[in-house]
Amino acid sequence: MVAVRLPQEIQERLDSLAKRTGRTKSFYIRQALLEHLEDLEDVYLAEERFKTIKTTIPLEELVNESEMAR
């Protein structure tokens, strides 16, 4: 279990959304966390992979290869 203190403005927005939709505040908190966690995991994975790249390809070379593939 995790307890989080939210600023009053966010709390009010969350309350309003939950009332309008009939869903719980917990539902929306879980949804927001899951989406954000996926984004963060993607960023960290990309950063890790970037560190393992031993060679780079100049942008001009990529553009030329792309144009030749057409």
PDB file of N, CA and C in Angstrom:
ATOM      1  N   MET A   1       0.836  -1.173   0.000  1.00  0.00           N
ATOM      2  CA  MET A   1       0.000   0.000   0.000  1.00  0.00           C
ATOM      3  C   MET A   1       0.884   1.240   0.000  1.00  0.00           C
ATOM      4  N   VAL A   2       0.463   2.234  -0.712  1.00  0.00           N
ATOM      5  CA  VAL A   2       1.202   3.483  -0.811  1.00  0.00           C
ATOM      6  C   VAL A   2       0.261   4.626  -0.463  1.00  0.00           C
ATOM      7  N   ALA A   3       0.752   5.553   0.328  1.00  0.00           N
ATOM      8  CA  ALA A   3      -0.036   6.748   0.646  1.00  0.00           C
ATOM      9  C   ALA A   3       0.628   7.940  -0.028  1.00  0.00           C
ATOM     10  N   VAL A   4      -0.178   8.764  -0.669  1.00  0.00           N
ATOM     11  CA  VAL A   4       0.353   9.922  -1.393  1.00  0.00           C
ATOM     12  C   VAL A   4      -0.451  11.151  -1.002  1.00  0.00           C
ATOM     13  N   ARG A   5       0.255  12.223  -0.722  1.00  0.00           N
ATOM     14  CA  ARG A   5      -0.415  13.499  -0.449  1.00  0.00           C
ATOM     15  C   ARG A   5      -0.496  14.260  -1.764  1.00  0.00           C
ATOM     16  N   LEU A   6      -1.685  14.702  -2.088  1.00  0.00           N
ATOM     17  CA  LEU A   6      -1.892  15.451  -3.317  1.00  0.00           C
ATOM     18  C   LEU A   6      -2.207  16.900  -3.004  1.00  0.00           C
ATOM     19  N   PRO A   7      -1.730  17.809  -3.857  1.00  0.00           N
ATOM     20  CA  PRO A   7      -2.135  19.204  -3.678  1.00  0.00           C
ATOM     21  C   PRO A   7      -3.655  19.311  -3.781  1.00  0.00           C
ATOM     22  N   GLN A   8      -4.225  20.286  -3.102  1.00  0.00           N
ATOM     23  CA  GLN A   8      -5.679  20.459  -3.055  1.00  0.00           C
ATOM     24  C   GLN A   8      -6.293  20.530  -4.451  1.00  0.00           C
ATOM     25  N   GLU A   9      -5.648  21.245  -5.367  1.00  0.00           N
ATOM     26  CA  GLU A   9      -6.194  21.384  -6.724  1.00  0.00           C
ATOM     27  C   GLU A   9      -6.314  20.036  -7.422  1.00  0.00           C
ATOM     28  N   ILE A  10      -5.299  19.205  -7.288  1.00  0.00           N
ATOM     29  CA  ILE A  10      -5.346  17.878  -7.921  1.00  0.00           C
ATOM     30  C   ILE A  10      -6.405  17.022  -7.245  1.00  0.00           C
ATOM     31  N   GLN A  11      -6.488  17.093  -5.929  1.00  0.00           N
ATOM     32  CA  GLN A  11      -7.497  16.342  -5.191  1.00  0.00           C
ATOM     33  C   GLN A  11      -8.904  16.712  -5.666  1.00  0.00           C
ATOM     34  N   GLU A  12      -9.142  18.003  -5.832  1.00  0.00           N
ATOM     35  CA  GLU A  12     -10.464  18.456  -6.293  1.00  0.00           C
ATOM     36  C   GLU A  12     -10.754  17.983  -7.710  1.00  0.00           C
ATOM     37  N   ARG A  13      -9.771  18.035  -8.568  1.00  0.00           N
ATOM     38  CA  ARG A  13      -9.975  17.563  -9.945  1.00  0.00           C
ATOM     39  C   ARG A  13     -10.259  16.059  -9.958  1.00  0.00           C
ATOM     40  N   LEU A  14      -9.537  15.318  -9.157  1.00  0.00           N
ATOM     41  CA  LEU A  14      -9.730  13.876  -9.067  1.00  0.00           C
ATOM     42  C   LEU A  14     -11.117  13.549  -8.514  1.00  0.00           C
ATOM     43  N   ASP A  15     -11.526  14.257  -7.467  1.00  0.00           N
ATOM     44  CA  ASP A  15     -12.871  14.070  -6.905  1.00  0.00           C
ATOM     45  C   ASP A  15     -13.937  14.330  -7.962  1.00  0.00           C
ATOM     46  N   SER A  16     -13.774  15.421  -8.685  1.00  0.00           N
ATOM     47  CA  SER A  16     -14.751  15.800  -9.706  1.00  0.00           C
ATOM     48  C   SER A  16     -14.838  14.750 -10.807  1.00  0.00           C
ATOM     49  N   LEU A  17     -13.690  14.303 -11.273  1.00  0.00           N
ATOM     50  CA  LEU A  17     -13.666  13.290 -12.332  1.00  0.00           C
ATOM     51  C   LEU A  17     -14.329  12.006 -11.862  1.00  0.00           C
ATOM     52  N   ALA A  18     -14.017  11.581 -10.658  1.00  0.00           N
ATOM     53  CA  ALA A  18     -14.605  10.353 -10.125  1.00  0.00           C
ATOM     54  C   ALA A  18     -16.119  10.471 -10.014  1.00  0.00           C
ATOM     55  N   LYS A  19     -16.607  11.597  -9.550  1.00  0.00           N
ATOM     56  CA  LYS A  19     -18.052  11.794  -9.424  1.00  0.00           C
ATOM     57  C   LYS A  19     -18.743  11.813 -10.787  1.00  0.00           C
ATOM     58  N   ARG A  20     -18.118  12.506 -11.744  1.00  0.00           N
ATOM     59  CA  ARG A  20     -18.731  12.606 -13.081  1.00  0.00           C
ATOM     60  C   ARG A  20     -18.802  11.266 -13.789  1.00  0.00           C
ATOM     61  N   THR A  21     -17.828  10.406 -13.564  1.00  0.00           N
ATOM     62  CA  THR A  21     -17.741   9.161 -14.323  1.00  0.00           C
ATOM     63  C   THR A  21     -18.230   7.936 -13.569  1.00  0.00           C
ATOM     64  N   GLY A  22     -18.395   8.070 -12.257  1.00  0.00           N
ATOM     65  CA  GLY A  22     -18.830   6.923 -11.469  1.00  0.00           C
ATOM     66  C   GLY A  22     -17.705   5.938 -11.186  1.00  0.00           C
ATOM     67  N   ARG A  23     -16.497   6.309 -11.482  1.00  0.00           N
ATOM     68  CA  ARG A  23     -15.348   5.456 -11.173  1.00  0.00           C
ATOM     69  C   ARG A  23     -14.717   5.960  -9.880  1.00  0.00           C
ATOM     70  N   THR A  24     -13.847   5.136  -9.315  1.00  0.00           N
ATOM     71  CA  THR A  24     -13.206   5.537  -8.063  1.00  0.00           C
ATOM     72  C   THR A  24     -11.969   6.381  -8.327  1.00  0.00           C
ATOM     73  N   LYS A  25     -11.588   7.137  -7.315  1.00  0.00           N
ATOM     74  CA  LYS A  25     -10.338   7.901  -7.416  1.00  0.00           C
ATOM     75  C   LYS A  25      -9.163   6.938  -7.558  1.00  0.00           C
ATOM     76  N   SER A  26      -9.243   5.804  -6.884  1.00  0.00           N
ATOM     77  CA  SER A  26      -8.174   4.808  -6.971  1.00  0.00           C
ATOM     78  C   SER A  26      -7.995   4.316  -8.403  1.00  0.00           C
ATOM     79  N   PHE A  27      -9.095   4.152  -9.110  1.00  0.00           N
ATOM     80  CA  PHE A  27      -9.028   3.717 -10.506  1.00  0.00           C
ATOM     81  C   PHE A  27      -8.179   4.690 -11.313  1.00  0.00           C
ATOM     82  N   TYR A  28      -8.475   5.981 -11.189  1.00  0.00           N
ATOM     83  CA  TYR A  28      -7.754   6.978 -11.980  1.00  0.00           C
ATOM     84  C   TYR A  28      -6.302   7.123 -11.541  1.00  0.00           C
ATOM     85  N   ILE A  29      -6.044   6.970 -10.271  1.00  0.00           N
ATOM     86  CA  ILE A  29      -4.660   7.027  -9.796  1.00  0.00           C
ATOM     87  C   ILE A  29      -3.871   5.856 -10.357  1.00  0.00           C
ATOM     88  N   ARG A  30      -4.473   4.652 -10.327  1.00  0.00           N
ATOM     89  CA  ARG A  30      -3.799   3.477 -10.894  1.00  0.00           C
ATOM     90  C   ARG A  30      -3.531   3.664 -12.378  1.00  0.00           C
ATOM     91  N   GLN A  31      -4.551   4.162 -13.115  1.00  0.00           N
ATOM     92  CA  GLN A  31      -4.398   4.368 -14.564  1.00  0.00           C
ATOM     93  C   GLN A  31      -3.260   5.351 -14.849  1.00  0.00           C
ATOM     94  N   ALA A  32      -3.230   6.444 -14.125  1.00  0.00           N
ATOM     95  CA  ALA A  32      -2.194   7.461 -14.344  1.00  0.00           C
ATOM     96  C   ALA A  32      -0.811   6.896 -14.040  1.00  0.00           C
ATOM     97  N   LEU A  33      -0.692   6.165 -12.947  1.00  0.00           N
ATOM     98  CA  LEU A  33       0.600   5.587 -12.581  1.00  0.00           C
ATOM     99  C   LEU A  33       1.060   4.558 -13.606  1.00  0.00           C
ATOM    100  N   LEU A  34       0.155   3.691 -14.032  1.00  0.00           N
ATOM    101  CA  LEU A  34       0.539   2.678 -15.011  1.00  0.00           C
ATOM    102  C   LEU A  34       1.029   3.305 -16.308  1.00  0.00           C
ATOM    103  N   GLU A  35       0.308   4.302 -16.788  1.00  0.00           N
ATOM    104  CA  GLU A  35       0.713   4.956 -18.025  1.00  0.00           C
ATOM    105  C   GLU A  35       2.062   5.647 -17.864  1.00  0.00           C
ATOM    106  N   HIS A  36       2.230   6.341 -16.766  1.00  0.00           N
ATOM    107  CA  HIS A  36       3.482   7.058 -16.549  1.00  0.00           C
ATOM    108  C   HIS A  36       4.634   6.087 -16.329  1.00  0.00           C
ATOM    109  N   LEU A  37       4.395   4.999 -15.608  1.00  0.00           N
ATOM    110  CA  LEU A  37       5.436   3.997 -15.395  1.00  0.00           C
ATOM    111  C   LEU A  37       5.900   3.405 -16.719  1.00  0.00           C
ATOM    112  N   GLU A  38       4.961   3.118 -17.616  1.00  0.00           N
ATOM    113  CA  GLU A  38       5.334   2.583 -18.930  1.00  0.00           C
ATOM    114  C   GLU A  38       6.218   3.571 -19.677  1.00  0.00           C
ATOM    115  N   ASP A  39       5.874   4.837 -19.623  1.00  0.00           N
ATOM    116  CA  ASP A  39       6.695   5.865 -20.280  1.00  0.00           C
ATOM    117  C   ASP A  39       8.089   5.925 -19.661  1.00  0.00           C
ATOM    118  N   LEU A  40       8.163   5.904 -18.338  1.00  0.00           N
ATOM    119  CA  LEU A  40       9.460   5.952 -17.664  1.00  0.00           C
ATOM    120  C   LEU A  40      10.298   4.719 -17.980  1.00  0.00           C
ATOM    121  N   GLU A  41       9.661   3.560 -17.982  1.00  0.00           N
ATOM    122  CA  GLU A  41      10.393   2.331 -18.310  1.00  0.00           C
ATOM    123  C   GLU A  41      10.954   2.407 -19.719  1.00  0.00           C
ATOM    124  N   ASP A  42      10.180   2.927 -20.662  1.00  0.00           N
ATOM    125  CA  ASP A  42      10.659   3.087 -22.035  1.00  0.00           C
ATOM    126  C   ASP A  42      11.857   4.028 -22.099  1.00  0.00           C
ATOM    127  N   VAL A  43      11.784   5.127 -21.365  1.00  0.00           N
ATOM    128  CA  VAL A  43      12.891   6.094 -21.358  1.00  0.00           C
ATOM    129  C   VAL A  43      14.153   5.449 -20.811  1.00  0.00           C
ATOM    130  N   TYR A  44      14.046   4.773 -19.677  1.00  0.00           N
ATOM    131  CA  TYR A  44      15.230   4.165 -19.079  1.00  0.00           C
ATOM    132  C   TYR A  44      15.779   3.036 -19.937  1.00  0.00           C
ATOM    133  N   LEU A  45      14.924   2.271 -20.572  1.00  0.00           N
ATOM    134  CA  LEU A  45      15.380   1.217 -21.472  1.00  0.00           C
ATOM    135  C   LEU A  45      16.135   1.828 -22.652  1.00  0.00           C
ATOM    136  N   ALA A  46      15.583   2.898 -23.220  1.00  0.00           N
ATOM    137  CA  ALA A  46      16.251   3.566 -24.340  1.00  0.00           C
ATOM    138  C   ALA A  46      17.605   4.111 -23.908  1.00  0.00           C
ATOM    139  N   GLU A  47      17.676   4.696 -22.722  1.00  0.00           N
ATOM    140  CA  GLU A  47      18.954   5.223 -22.223  1.00  0.00           C
ATOM    141  C   GLU A  47      19.975   4.106 -22.037  1.00  0.00           C
ATOM    142  N   GLU A  48      19.546   2.966 -21.518  1.00  0.00           N
ATOM    143  CA  GLU A  48      20.447   1.828 -21.336  1.00  0.00           C
ATOM    144  C   GLU A  48      20.949   1.318 -22.682  1.00  0.00           C
ATOM    145  N   ARG A  49      20.041   1.191 -23.636  1.00  0.00           N
ATOM    146  CA  ARG A  49      20.443   0.720 -24.961  1.00  0.00           C
ATOM    147  C   ARG A  49      21.380   1.698 -25.638  1.00  0.00           C
ATOM    148  N   PHE A  50      21.123   2.984 -25.462  1.00  0.00           N
ATOM    149  CA  PHE A  50      21.965   4.009 -26.068  1.00  0.00           C
ATOM    150  C   PHE A  50      23.400   3.902 -25.548  1.00  0.00           C
ATOM    151  N   LYS A  51      23.552   3.570 -24.269  1.00  0.00           N
ATOM    152  CA  LYS A  51      24.886   3.432 -23.678  1.00  0.00           C
ATOM    153  C   LYS A  51      25.658   2.274 -24.296  1.00  0.00           C
ATOM    154  N   THR A  52      24.960   1.260 -24.816  1.00  0.00           N
ATOM    155  CA  THR A  52      25.633   0.085 -25.368  1.00  0.00           C
ATOM    156  C   THR A  52      25.968   0.238 -26.850  1.00  0.00           C
ATOM    157  N   ILE A  53      25.514   1.317 -27.462  1.00  0.00           N
ATOM    158  CA  ILE A  53      25.814   1.530 -28.879  1.00  0.00           C
ATOM    159  C   ILE A  53      27.287   1.883 -29.016  1.00  0.00           C
ATOM    160  N   LYS A  54      27.978   1.122 -29.840  1.00  0.00           N
ATOM    161  CA  LYS A  54      29.407   1.347 -29.987  1.00  0.00           C
ATOM    162  C   LYS A  54      29.723   2.222 -31.201  1.00  0.00           C
ATOM    163  N   THR A  55      28.853   2.221 -32.173  1.00  0.00           N
ATOM    164  CA  THR A  55      29.084   3.040 -33.354  1.00  0.00           C
ATOM    165  C   THR A  55      27.858   3.902 -33.612  1.00  0.00           C
ATOM    166  N   THR A  56      28.071   4.990 -34.261  1.00  0.00           N
ATOM    167  CA  THR A  56      26.963   5.860 -34.632  1.00  0.00           C
ATOM    168  C   THR A  56      26.975   6.044 -36.143  1.00  0.00           C
ATOM    169  N   ILE A  57      25.842   6.399 -36.678  1.00  0.00           N
ATOM    170  CA  ILE A  57      25.710   6.644 -38.111  1.00  0.00           C
ATOM    171  C   ILE A  57      25.312   8.099 -38.276  1.00  0.00           C
ATOM    172  N   PRO A  58      26.072   8.839 -39.077  1.00  0.00           N
ATOM    173  CA  PRO A  58      25.718  10.244 -39.298  1.00  0.00           C
ATOM    174  C   PRO A  58      24.328  10.373 -39.917  1.00  0.00           C
ATOM    175  N   LEU A  59      23.633  11.429 -39.574  1.00  0.00           N
ATOM    176  CA  LEU A  59      22.282  11.657 -40.073  1.00  0.00           C
ATOM    177  C   LEU A  59      22.249  11.679 -41.591  1.00  0.00           C
ATOM    178  N   GLU A  60      23.224  12.310 -42.215  1.00  0.00           N
ATOM    179  CA  GLU A  60      23.258  12.377 -43.681  1.00  0.00           C
ATOM    180  C   GLU A  60      23.279  10.985 -44.297  1.00  0.00           C
ATOM    181  N   GLU A  61      24.015  10.072 -43.681  1.00  0.00           N
ATOM    182  CA  GLU A  61      24.087   8.702 -44.194  1.00  0.00           C
ATOM    183  C   GLU A  61      22.725   8.013 -44.087  1.00  0.00           C
ATOM    184  N   LEU A  62      22.038   8.219 -42.977  1.00  0.00           N
ATOM    185  CA  LEU A  62      20.707   7.635 -42.822  1.00  0.00           C
ATOM    186  C   LEU A  62      19.730   8.198 -43.853  1.00  0.00           C
ATOM    187  N   VAL A  63      19.806   9.499 -44.076  1.00  0.00           N
ATOM    188  CA  VAL A  63      18.931  10.141 -45.056  1.00  0.00           C
ATOM    189  C   VAL A  63      19.213   9.587 -46.441  1.00  0.00           C
ATOM    190  N   ASN A  64      20.486   9.462 -46.790  1.00  0.00           N
ATOM    191  CA  ASN A  64      20.846   8.932 -48.104  1.00  0.00           C
ATOM    192  C   ASN A  64      20.358   7.499 -48.277  1.00  0.00           C
ATOM    193  N   GLU A  65      20.523   6.672 -47.257  1.00  0.00           N
ATOM    194  CA  GLU A  65      20.058   5.290 -47.314  1.00  0.00           C
ATOM    195  C   GLU A  65      18.534   5.253 -47.469  1.00  0.00           C
ATOM    196  N   SER A  66      17.848   6.125 -46.761  1.00  0.00           N
ATOM    197  CA  SER A  66      16.391   6.178 -46.843  1.00  0.00           C
ATOM    198  C   SER A  66      15.939   6.573 -48.246  1.00  0.00           C
ATOM    199  N   GLU A  67      16.618   7.545 -48.824  1.00  0.00           N
ATOM    200  CA  GLU A  67      16.261   8.003 -50.173  1.00  0.00           C
ATOM    201  C   GLU A  67      16.547   6.931 -51.207  1.00  0.00           C
ATOM    202  N   MET A  68      17.615   6.183 -51.044  1.00  0.00           N
ATOM    203  CA  MET A  68      17.954   5.119 -51.992  1.00  0.00           C
ATOM    204  C   MET A  68      16.984   3.952 -51.900  1.00  0.00           C
ATOM    205  N   ALA A  69      16.373   3.761 -50.719  1.00  0.00           N
ATOM    206  CA  ALA A  69      15.443   2.645 -50.522  1.00  0.00           C
ATOM    207  C   ALA A  69      14.099   2.912 -51.200  1.00  0.00           C
ATOM    208  N   ARG A  70      13.831   4.149 -51.566  1.00  0.00           N
ATOM    209  CA  ARG A  70      12.550   4.479 -52.179  1.00  0.00           C
ATOM    210  C   ARG A  70      12.456   4.017 -53.569  1.00  0.00           C
TER     211      ARG A  70
END
